Amino acid sequence: MELREVIGRRRSIRFVRPYQPVEMEKLQMMFEAARLASHWGNVQTLCGVAVVRDQASPELLEALNAVVVGWQLKLAPVIIVWYLNPNLVDQQPDRLRELVNIGALGFGPIEKKKEFLEEKFIPIFEGLKDMLRGPGISEIDCGQGIAQATLMAYELGLGTCLLATPNGEKILKILGAPEGCRMLLLQTVGYPLEHWEAGGQRPRLPFEQRFGLNTAKVPFPRSQAVVEELTRDKMFTRPAPLAEREKELEYLQRALDIKPPGLI
């Protein structure tokens, strides 16, 4: 399956088979995809823990339950806890040295590059260390890793859904994450019980409203030919609402014995 089709078909799958475990090999593949994602300065602050529900402690399971959509977390056979370790920013000088040594940073003779790195480049980043440890650019790059893991999951026939939690600090403490780490997201992982379209393509703001050319006031010119090409490549799927969605939801609610307080 081509990447365009994978992206187009990738939906948040909220209903998974609670009885079917996820193979360790597939979880590893998700982590491998996340590990290879680009990160500023090659610092790599993204970390994750795969929590297998049947092996988790009652204390951890209680902390993982979200306030609104706790039923998703109770159904999923695996929950990946994604978090950011800002302590790794302290290792940036070594990461930069690695980049120079493999020829991925700078021009000219290797000795000159090393000299410039030690005398100029590293001191600049050392002066920015406190800022770089804080929220901002690292979260963006961690998002790239999570996105790659999500695409890998779909390629492997898995369904996932990203959720926030108010219990981030407690969860990380139970998991034994290093001091100072920041919670990013919880990702439920399992085999889909609902159709891969998950009700169809969600509404999106107009293309021209979100993307510009040279200035935010000039909409990027959207080519209909490009839209048609991506449609042929199955990048775009049926728009919601799908006629069968309500019946599908009714079936899933009965099958999983879900008693939500409201929206699901």
C-alpha atoms as a PDB file:
ATOM      1  CA  MET A   1       0.000   0.000   0.000  1.00  0.00           C
ATOM      2  CA  GLU A   2       1.396   3.403  -0.993  1.00  0.00           C
ATOM      3  CA  LEU A   3       2.035   6.090   1.597  1.00  0.00           C
ATOM      4  CA  ARG A   4      -0.703   8.320   0.163  1.00  0.00           C
ATOM      5  CA  GLU A   5      -3.272   5.612   0.694  1.00  0.00           C
ATOM      6  CA  VAL A   6      -1.975   4.869   4.185  1.00  0.00           C
ATOM      7  CA  ILE A   7      -2.276   8.540   5.160  1.00  0.00           C
ATOM      8  CA  GLY A   8      -5.715   8.848   3.597  1.00  0.00           C
ATOM      9  CA  ARG A   9      -7.024   5.771   5.388  1.00  0.00           C
ATOM     10  CA  ARG A  10      -5.463   6.538   8.748  1.00  0.00           C
ATOM     11  CA  ARG A  11      -8.271   7.323  11.186  1.00  0.00           C
ATOM     12  CA  SER A  12      -8.579   7.433  14.927  1.00  0.00           C
ATOM     13  CA  ILE A  13      -9.917   3.980  15.739  1.00  0.00           C
ATOM     14  CA  ARG A  14     -11.759   4.146  19.038  1.00  0.00           C
ATOM     15  CA  PHE A  15     -13.270   0.677  18.968  1.00  0.00           C
ATOM     16  CA  VAL A  16     -10.763  -2.192  19.127  1.00  0.00           C
ATOM     17  CA  ARG A  17     -11.021  -5.884  19.944  1.00  0.00           C
ATOM     18  CA  PRO A  18     -10.353  -6.164  23.689  1.00  0.00           C
ATOM     19  CA  TYR A  19      -9.893  -9.930  23.394  1.00  0.00           C
ATOM     20  CA  GLN A  20      -7.139  -9.900  20.744  1.00  0.00           C
ATOM     21  CA  PRO A  21      -3.591  -9.185  21.969  1.00  0.00           C
ATOM     22  CA  VAL A  22      -1.107  -7.153  19.939  1.00  0.00           C
ATOM     23  CA  GLU A  23       2.100  -8.919  18.974  1.00  0.00           C
ATOM     24  CA  MET A  24       5.305  -7.608  20.517  1.00  0.00           C
ATOM     25  CA  GLU A  25       6.839  -7.523  17.040  1.00  0.00           C
ATOM     26  CA  LYS A  26       4.255  -5.012  15.853  1.00  0.00           C
ATOM     27  CA  LEU A  27       4.753  -2.798  18.875  1.00  0.00           C
ATOM     28  CA  GLN A  28       8.479  -2.903  18.212  1.00  0.00           C
ATOM     29  CA  MET A  29       7.866  -1.817  14.619  1.00  0.00           C
ATOM     30  CA  MET A  30       5.913   1.189  15.880  1.00  0.00           C
ATOM     31  CA  PHE A  31       8.790   2.122  18.169  1.00  0.00           C
ATOM     32  CA  GLU A  32      11.316   1.582  15.369  1.00  0.00           C
ATOM     33  CA  ALA A  33       9.373   4.015  13.171  1.00  0.00           C
ATOM     34  CA  ALA A  34       9.250   6.575  15.980  1.00  0.00           C
ATOM     35  CA  ARG A  35      12.971   6.169  16.685  1.00  0.00           C
ATOM     36  CA  LEU A  36      13.917   7.076  13.105  1.00  0.00           C
ATOM     37  CA  ALA A  37      11.932  10.322  13.050  1.00  0.00           C
ATOM     38  CA  SER A  38      13.803  13.586  12.617  1.00  0.00           C
ATOM     39  CA  HIS A  39      14.616  15.607  15.750  1.00  0.00           C
ATOM     40  CA  TRP A  40      16.351  18.957  16.123  1.00  0.00           C
ATOM     41  CA  GLY A  41      20.042  18.551  16.845  1.00  0.00           C
ATOM     42  CA  ASN A  42      19.489  14.793  16.762  1.00  0.00           C
ATOM     43  CA  VAL A  43      18.676  15.033  20.485  1.00  0.00           C
ATOM     44  CA  GLN A  44      15.813  12.486  20.334  1.00  0.00           C
ATOM     45  CA  THR A  45      13.740  13.384  23.393  1.00  0.00           C
ATOM     46  CA  LEU A  46      10.769  11.174  22.451  1.00  0.00           C
ATOM     47  CA  CYS A  47      10.302   8.131  24.696  1.00  0.00           C
ATOM     48  CA  GLY A  48       7.505   5.616  25.047  1.00  0.00           C
ATOM     49  CA  VAL A  49       6.355   2.732  27.208  1.00  0.00           C
ATOM     50  CA  ALA A  50       4.029   0.034  25.861  1.00  0.00           C
ATOM     51  CA  VAL A  51       1.673  -0.986  28.646  1.00  0.00           C
ATOM     52  CA  VAL A  52       0.083  -4.403  28.074  1.00  0.00           C
ATOM     53  CA  ARG A  53      -3.239  -4.280  29.892  1.00  0.00           C
ATOM     54  CA  ASP A  54      -3.164  -7.870  31.139  1.00  0.00           C
ATOM     55  CA  GLN A  55       0.283  -7.283  32.661  1.00  0.00           C
ATOM     56  CA  ALA A  56      -0.292  -3.827  34.186  1.00  0.00           C
ATOM     57  CA  SER A  57      -0.662  -3.186  37.902  1.00  0.00           C
ATOM     58  CA  PRO A  58      -4.039  -2.051  39.294  1.00  0.00           C
ATOM     59  CA  GLU A  59      -2.382   1.218  40.347  1.00  0.00           C
ATOM     60  CA  LEU A  60      -1.271   1.948  36.791  1.00  0.00           C
ATOM     61  CA  LEU A  61      -4.592   0.951  35.253  1.00  0.00           C
ATOM     62  CA  GLU A  62      -6.412   3.275  37.620  1.00  0.00           C
ATOM     63  CA  ALA A  63      -4.107   6.164  36.722  1.00  0.00           C
ATOM     64  CA  LEU A  64      -4.554   5.519  32.990  1.00  0.00           C
ATOM     65  CA  ASN A  65      -8.328   5.880  33.109  1.00  0.00           C
ATOM     66  CA  ALA A  66      -9.235   9.163  31.453  1.00  0.00           C
ATOM     67  CA  VAL A  67     -12.026  11.364  32.771  1.00  0.00           C
ATOM     68  CA  VAL A  68     -14.209  11.472  29.643  1.00  0.00           C
ATOM     69  CA  VAL A  69     -13.250   8.556  27.409  1.00  0.00           C
ATOM     70  CA  GLY A  70     -12.000   6.065  29.971  1.00  0.00           C
ATOM     71  CA  TRP A  71     -13.846   3.268  28.180  1.00  0.00           C
ATOM     72  CA  GLN A  72     -11.345   3.441  25.304  1.00  0.00           C
ATOM     73  CA  LEU A  73      -8.477   2.877  27.697  1.00  0.00           C
ATOM     74  CA  LYS A  74     -10.345   0.032  29.385  1.00  0.00           C
ATOM     75  CA  LEU A  75     -10.879  -1.756  26.065  1.00  0.00           C
ATOM     76  CA  ALA A  76      -7.469  -1.415  24.441  1.00  0.00           C
ATOM     77  CA  PRO A  77      -5.143  -4.401  24.950  1.00  0.00           C
ATOM     78  CA  VAL A  78      -2.144  -2.035  24.746  1.00  0.00           C
ATOM     79  CA  ILE A  79      -1.655   1.592  25.711  1.00  0.00           C
ATOM     80  CA  ILE A  80       1.509   3.390  24.677  1.00  0.00           C
ATOM     81  CA  VAL A  81       2.521   6.164  27.047  1.00  0.00           C
ATOM     82  CA  TRP A  82       4.435   8.741  25.021  1.00  0.00           C
ATOM     83  CA  TYR A  83       6.548  11.176  26.987  1.00  0.00           C
ATOM     84  CA  LEU A  84       9.348  13.679  26.474  1.00  0.00           C
ATOM     85  CA  ASN A  85      12.648  13.480  28.339  1.00  0.00           C
ATOM     86  CA  PRO A  86      14.133  17.017  28.392  1.00  0.00           C
ATOM     87  CA  ASN A  87      17.168  15.720  30.297  1.00  0.00           C
ATOM     88  CA  LEU A  88      18.495  14.430  26.973  1.00  0.00           C
ATOM     89  CA  VAL A  89      19.091  18.035  25.915  1.00  0.00           C
ATOM     90  CA  ASP A  90      22.138  17.882  28.188  1.00  0.00           C
ATOM     91  CA  GLN A  91      23.631  15.336  25.789  1.00  0.00           C
ATOM     92  CA  GLN A  92      23.327  17.614  22.777  1.00  0.00           C
ATOM     93  CA  PRO A  93      27.077  18.305  22.484  1.00  0.00           C
ATOM     94  CA  ASP A  94      27.648  14.568  21.984  1.00  0.00           C
ATOM     95  CA  ARG A  95      24.812  14.349  19.460  1.00  0.00           C
ATOM     96  CA  LEU A  96      26.327  17.256  17.498  1.00  0.00           C
ATOM     97  CA  ARG A  97      29.754  15.607  17.575  1.00  0.00           C
ATOM     98  CA  GLU A  98      28.176  12.466  16.135  1.00  0.00           C
ATOM     99  CA  LEU A  99      26.660  14.484  13.292  1.00  0.00           C
ATOM    100  CA  VAL A 100      30.015  16.054  12.449  1.00  0.00           C
ATOM    101  CA  ASN A 101      31.795  12.700  12.585  1.00  0.00           C
ATOM    102  CA  ILE A 102      29.431  11.114  10.064  1.00  0.00           C
ATOM    103  CA  GLY A 103      29.518  14.082   7.692  1.00  0.00           C
ATOM    104  CA  ALA A 104      25.980  15.275   8.373  1.00  0.00           C
ATOM    105  CA  LEU A 105      26.902  18.729   9.640  1.00  0.00           C
ATOM    106  CA  GLY A 106      28.980  21.506   8.116  1.00  0.00           C
ATOM    107  CA  PHE A 107      31.381  21.885   5.206  1.00  0.00           C
ATOM    108  CA  GLY A 108      35.152  21.683   4.794  1.00  0.00           C
ATOM    109  CA  PRO A 109      37.901  19.556   6.393  1.00  0.00           C
ATOM    110  CA  ILE A 110      36.780  17.427   9.330  1.00  0.00           C
ATOM    111  CA  GLU A 111      39.273  19.035  11.727  1.00  0.00           C
ATOM    112  CA  LYS A 112      38.038  22.523  10.876  1.00  0.00           C
ATOM    113  CA  LYS A 113      34.437  21.431  11.420  1.00  0.00           C
ATOM    114  CA  LYS A 114      35.322  19.926  14.781  1.00  0.00           C
ATOM    115  CA  GLU A 115      37.115  23.097  15.806  1.00  0.00           C
ATOM    116  CA  PHE A 116      34.187  25.293  14.819  1.00  0.00           C
ATOM    117  CA  LEU A 117      31.786  22.949  16.612  1.00  0.00           C
ATOM    118  CA  GLU A 118      33.680  23.061  19.907  1.00  0.00           C
ATOM    119  CA  GLU A 119      34.537  26.761  19.856  1.00  0.00           C
ATOM    120  CA  LYS A 120      31.410  28.289  18.328  1.00  0.00           C
ATOM    121  CA  PHE A 121      28.458  25.987  17.777  1.00  0.00           C
ATOM    122  CA  ILE A 122      28.278  24.071  21.043  1.00  0.00           C
ATOM    123  CA  PRO A 123      28.664  27.221  23.212  1.00  0.00           C
ATOM    124  CA  ILE A 124      25.706  28.775  21.377  1.00  0.00           C
ATOM    125  CA  PHE A 125      23.498  25.795  22.142  1.00  0.00           C
ATOM    126  CA  GLU A 126      24.759  25.614  25.712  1.00  0.00           C
ATOM    127  CA  GLY A 127      23.531  29.180  26.165  1.00  0.00           C
ATOM    128  CA  LEU A 128      20.092  28.153  24.892  1.00  0.00           C
ATOM    129  CA  LYS A 129      19.885  24.977  26.955  1.00  0.00           C
ATOM    130  CA  ASP A 130      17.224  26.182  29.403  1.00  0.00           C
ATOM    131  CA  MET A 131      15.001  27.320  26.550  1.00  0.00           C
ATOM    132  CA  LEU A 132      15.526  24.091  24.626  1.00  0.00           C
ATOM    133  CA  ARG A 133      14.624  22.018  27.669  1.00  0.00           C
ATOM    134  CA  GLY A 134      11.294  23.831  27.966  1.00  0.00           C
ATOM    135  CA  PRO A 135       8.067  23.232  26.030  1.00  0.00           C
ATOM    136  CA  GLY A 136       8.220  24.054  22.340  1.00  0.00           C
ATOM    137  CA  ILE A 137      10.354  22.662  19.564  1.00  0.00           C
ATOM    138  CA  SER A 138      10.894  19.268  21.210  1.00  0.00           C
ATOM    139  CA  GLU A 139       7.137  18.635  21.386  1.00  0.00           C
ATOM    140  CA  ILE A 140       6.889  19.320  17.653  1.00  0.00           C
ATOM    141  CA  ASP A 141       9.619  16.846  16.801  1.00  0.00           C
ATOM    142  CA  CYS A 142       8.211  14.263  19.199  1.00  0.00           C
ATOM    143  CA  GLY A 143       4.940  14.632  17.315  1.00  0.00           C
ATOM    144  CA  GLN A 144       6.722  13.574  14.147  1.00  0.00           C
ATOM    145  CA  GLY A 145       7.838  10.384  15.847  1.00  0.00           C
ATOM    146  CA  ILE A 146       4.354   9.617  17.151  1.00  0.00           C
ATOM    147  CA  ALA A 147       2.931  10.252  13.674  1.00  0.00           C
ATOM    148  CA  GLN A 148       5.386   7.781  12.139  1.00  0.00           C
ATOM    149  CA  ALA A 149       4.465   5.178  14.758  1.00  0.00           C
ATOM    150  CA  THR A 150       0.792   5.753  13.976  1.00  0.00           C
ATOM    151  CA  LEU A 151       1.298   5.257  10.245  1.00  0.00           C
ATOM    152  CA  MET A 152       3.270   2.090  10.949  1.00  0.00           C
ATOM    153  CA  ALA A 153       0.420   0.799  13.122  1.00  0.00           C
ATOM    154  CA  TYR A 154      -2.063   1.254  10.296  1.00  0.00           C
ATOM    155  CA  GLU A 155       0.283  -0.454   7.853  1.00  0.00           C
ATOM    156  CA  LEU A 156       0.354  -3.436  10.250  1.00  0.00           C
ATOM    157  CA  GLY A 157      -3.432  -3.661  10.441  1.00  0.00           C
ATOM    158  CA  LEU A 158      -3.733  -2.028  13.855  1.00  0.00           C
ATOM    159  CA  GLY A 159      -6.003   0.758  15.019  1.00  0.00           C
ATOM    160  CA  THR A 160      -4.914   3.542  17.357  1.00  0.00           C
ATOM    161  CA  CYS A 161      -6.329   6.603  19.048  1.00  0.00           C
ATOM    162  CA  LEU A 162      -4.430   9.432  20.754  1.00  0.00           C
ATOM    163  CA  LEU A 163      -5.766  10.690  24.074  1.00  0.00           C
ATOM    164  CA  ALA A 164      -4.781  13.284  26.625  1.00  0.00           C
ATOM    165  CA  THR A 165      -4.771  12.638  30.354  1.00  0.00           C
ATOM    166  CA  PRO A 166      -4.855  14.777  33.493  1.00  0.00           C
ATOM    167  CA  ASN A 167      -2.813  12.123  35.302  1.00  0.00           C
ATOM    168  CA  GLY A 168       0.424  12.517  33.381  1.00  0.00           C
ATOM    169  CA  GLU A 169       2.745  13.082  36.327  1.00  0.00           C
ATOM    170  CA  LYS A 170       1.265  10.184  38.285  1.00  0.00           C
ATOM    171  CA  ILE A 171       1.512   7.811  35.314  1.00  0.00           C
ATOM    172  CA  LEU A 172       5.139   8.703  34.634  1.00  0.00           C
ATOM    173  CA  LYS A 173       6.016   8.252  38.286  1.00  0.00           C
ATOM    174  CA  ILE A 174       4.445   4.780  38.368  1.00  0.00           C
ATOM    175  CA  LEU A 175       6.302   3.853  35.181  1.00  0.00           C
ATOM    176  CA  GLY A 176       9.603   4.984  36.666  1.00  0.00           C
ATOM    177  CA  ALA A 177      10.311   7.660  34.065  1.00  0.00           C
ATOM    178  CA  PRO A 178      13.270   9.951  34.839  1.00  0.00           C
ATOM    179  CA  GLU A 179      12.601  13.038  36.933  1.00  0.00           C
ATOM    180  CA  GLY A 180      11.499  16.047  34.901  1.00  0.00           C
ATOM    181  CA  CYS A 181       9.909  14.152  32.009  1.00  0.00           C
ATOM    182  CA  ARG A 182       6.730  15.534  30.449  1.00  0.00           C
ATOM    183  CA  MET A 183       3.687  13.537  29.433  1.00  0.00           C
ATOM    184  CA  LEU A 184       2.739  13.888  25.776  1.00  0.00           C
ATOM    185  CA  LEU A 185      -0.087  11.494  24.891  1.00  0.00           C
ATOM    186  CA  LEU A 186      -1.640   8.123  25.544  1.00  0.00           C
ATOM    187  CA  GLN A 187      -2.119   5.968  22.436  1.00  0.00           C
ATOM    188  CA  THR A 188      -4.511   3.035  22.522  1.00  0.00           C
ATOM    189  CA  VAL A 189      -3.435   0.179  20.255  1.00  0.00           C
ATOM    190  CA  GLY A 190      -5.431  -2.842  19.121  1.00  0.00           C
ATOM    191  CA  TYR A 191      -7.056  -4.604  16.221  1.00  0.00           C
ATOM    192  CA  PRO A 192      -9.968  -2.553  14.833  1.00  0.00           C
ATOM    193  CA  LEU A 193     -13.495  -3.653  15.599  1.00  0.00           C
ATOM    194  CA  GLU A 194     -15.029  -0.807  13.599  1.00  0.00           C
ATOM    195  CA  HIS A 195     -14.632  -0.247   9.869  1.00  0.00           C
ATOM    196  CA  TRP A 196     -11.348   1.413   8.898  1.00  0.00           C
ATOM    197  CA  GLU A 197     -13.230   4.512   7.688  1.00  0.00           C
ATOM    198  CA  ALA A 198     -14.460   5.032  11.271  1.00  0.00           C
ATOM    199  CA  GLY A 199     -17.470   6.953  10.085  1.00  0.00           C
ATOM    200  CA  GLY A 200     -15.780   8.743   7.198  1.00  0.00           C
ATOM    201  CA  GLN A 201     -13.490  11.704   6.714  1.00  0.00           C
ATOM    202  CA  ARG A 202     -13.954  14.241   9.495  1.00  0.00           C
ATOM    203  CA  PRO A 203     -14.824  17.823   8.539  1.00  0.00           C
ATOM    204  CA  ARG A 204     -11.807  20.002   7.820  1.00  0.00           C
ATOM    205  CA  LEU A 205     -11.458  23.754   7.423  1.00  0.00           C
ATOM    206  CA  PRO A 206     -11.113  24.943   3.824  1.00  0.00           C
ATOM    207  CA  PHE A 207      -7.647  24.380   2.320  1.00  0.00           C
ATOM    208  CA  GLU A 208      -7.300  28.056   1.403  1.00  0.00           C
ATOM    209  CA  GLN A 209      -8.081  29.127   4.962  1.00  0.00           C
ATOM    210  CA  ARG A 210      -5.143  27.220   6.429  1.00  0.00           C
ATOM    211  CA  PHE A 211      -2.333  27.441   3.892  1.00  0.00           C
ATOM    212  CA  GLY A 212      -0.779  30.480   2.221  1.00  0.00           C
ATOM    213  CA  LEU A 213       1.776  31.393  -0.403  1.00  0.00           C
ATOM    214  CA  ASN A 214       4.488  33.942   0.506  1.00  0.00           C
ATOM    215  CA  THR A 215       2.114  35.629   2.962  1.00  0.00           C
ATOM    216  CA  ALA A 216      -0.651  34.476   5.284  1.00  0.00           C
ATOM    217  CA  LYS A 217      -3.038  36.775   3.452  1.00  0.00           C
ATOM    218  CA  VAL A 218      -2.633  35.034   0.093  1.00  0.00           C
ATOM    219  CA  PRO A 219      -4.194  31.551  -0.028  1.00  0.00           C
ATOM    220  CA  PHE A 220      -2.045  28.812  -1.500  1.00  0.00           C
ATOM    221  CA  PRO A 221      -3.465  28.070  -4.972  1.00  0.00           C
ATOM    222  CA  ARG A 222      -5.176  24.693  -4.741  1.00  0.00           C
ATOM    223  CA  SER A 223      -4.935  22.739  -7.978  1.00  0.00           C
ATOM    224  CA  GLN A 224      -7.978  20.637  -8.775  1.00  0.00           C
ATOM    225  CA  ALA A 225      -5.735  18.360 -10.835  1.00  0.00           C
ATOM    226  CA  VAL A 226      -3.723  17.567  -7.704  1.00  0.00           C
ATOM    227  CA  VAL A 227      -6.926  16.885  -5.770  1.00  0.00           C
ATOM    228  CA  GLU A 228      -8.075  14.512  -8.505  1.00  0.00           C
ATOM    229  CA  GLU A 229      -4.720  12.723  -8.522  1.00  0.00           C
ATOM    230  CA  LEU A 230      -4.798  12.224  -4.766  1.00  0.00           C
ATOM    231  CA  THR A 231      -8.395  11.060  -4.998  1.00  0.00           C
ATOM    232  CA  ARG A 232      -7.392   8.414  -7.536  1.00  0.00           C
ATOM    233  CA  ASP A 233      -4.580   7.354  -5.203  1.00  0.00           C
ATOM    234  CA  LYS A 234      -7.146   6.975  -2.381  1.00  0.00           C
ATOM    235  CA  MET A 235      -5.681   9.785  -0.306  1.00  0.00           C
ATOM    236  CA  PHE A 236      -9.225  11.092   0.176  1.00  0.00           C
ATOM    237  CA  THR A 237     -11.972   8.845   1.455  1.00  0.00           C
ATOM    238  CA  ARG A 238     -15.725   9.170   1.765  1.00  0.00           C
ATOM    239  CA  PRO A 239     -16.703  12.260   3.733  1.00  0.00           C
ATOM    240  CA  ALA A 240     -18.699  11.888   6.914  1.00  0.00           C
ATOM    241  CA  PRO A 241     -21.451  11.289   7.770  1.00  0.00           C
ATOM    242  CA  LEU A 242     -21.698   7.797   6.307  1.00  0.00           C
ATOM    243  CA  ALA A 243     -25.200   6.405   6.068  1.00  0.00           C
ATOM    244  CA  GLU A 244     -24.343   3.263   8.032  1.00  0.00           C
ATOM    245  CA  ARG A 245     -22.438   4.943  10.869  1.00  0.00           C
ATOM    246  CA  GLU A 246     -25.231   5.232  13.434  1.00  0.00           C
ATOM    247  CA  LYS A 247     -26.128   1.550  13.081  1.00  0.00           C
ATOM    248  CA  GLU A 248     -22.449   0.659  13.384  1.00  0.00           C
ATOM    249  CA  LEU A 249     -22.158   2.667  16.595  1.00  0.00           C
ATOM    250  CA  GLU A 250     -25.271   1.052  18.037  1.00  0.00           C
ATOM    251  CA  TYR A 251     -23.847  -2.397  17.298  1.00  0.00           C
ATOM    252  CA  LEU A 252     -20.450  -1.558  18.786  1.00  0.00           C
ATOM    253  CA  GLN A 253     -21.986  -0.132  21.932  1.00  0.00           C
ATOM    254  CA  ARG A 254     -24.005  -3.313  22.497  1.00  0.00           C
ATOM    255  CA  ALA A 255     -21.148  -5.648  21.610  1.00  0.00           C
ATOM    256  CA  LEU A 256     -18.704  -3.952  23.970  1.00  0.00           C
ATOM    257  CA  ASP A 257     -21.261  -3.154  26.657  1.00  0.00           C
ATOM    258  CA  ILE A 258     -20.258   0.506  26.667  1.00  0.00           C
ATOM    259  CA  LYS A 259     -22.317   2.813  28.840  1.00  0.00           C
ATOM    260  CA  PRO A 260     -20.876   6.242  28.056  1.00  0.00           C
ATOM    261  CA  PRO A 261     -22.151   9.336  29.862  1.00  0.00           C
ATOM    262  CA  GLY A 262     -22.715  11.082  26.540  1.00  0.00           C
ATOM    263  CA  LEU A 263     -20.677  11.485  23.389  1.00  0.00           C
ATOM    264  CA  ILE A 264     -18.440   8.646  22.233  1.00  0.00           C
END
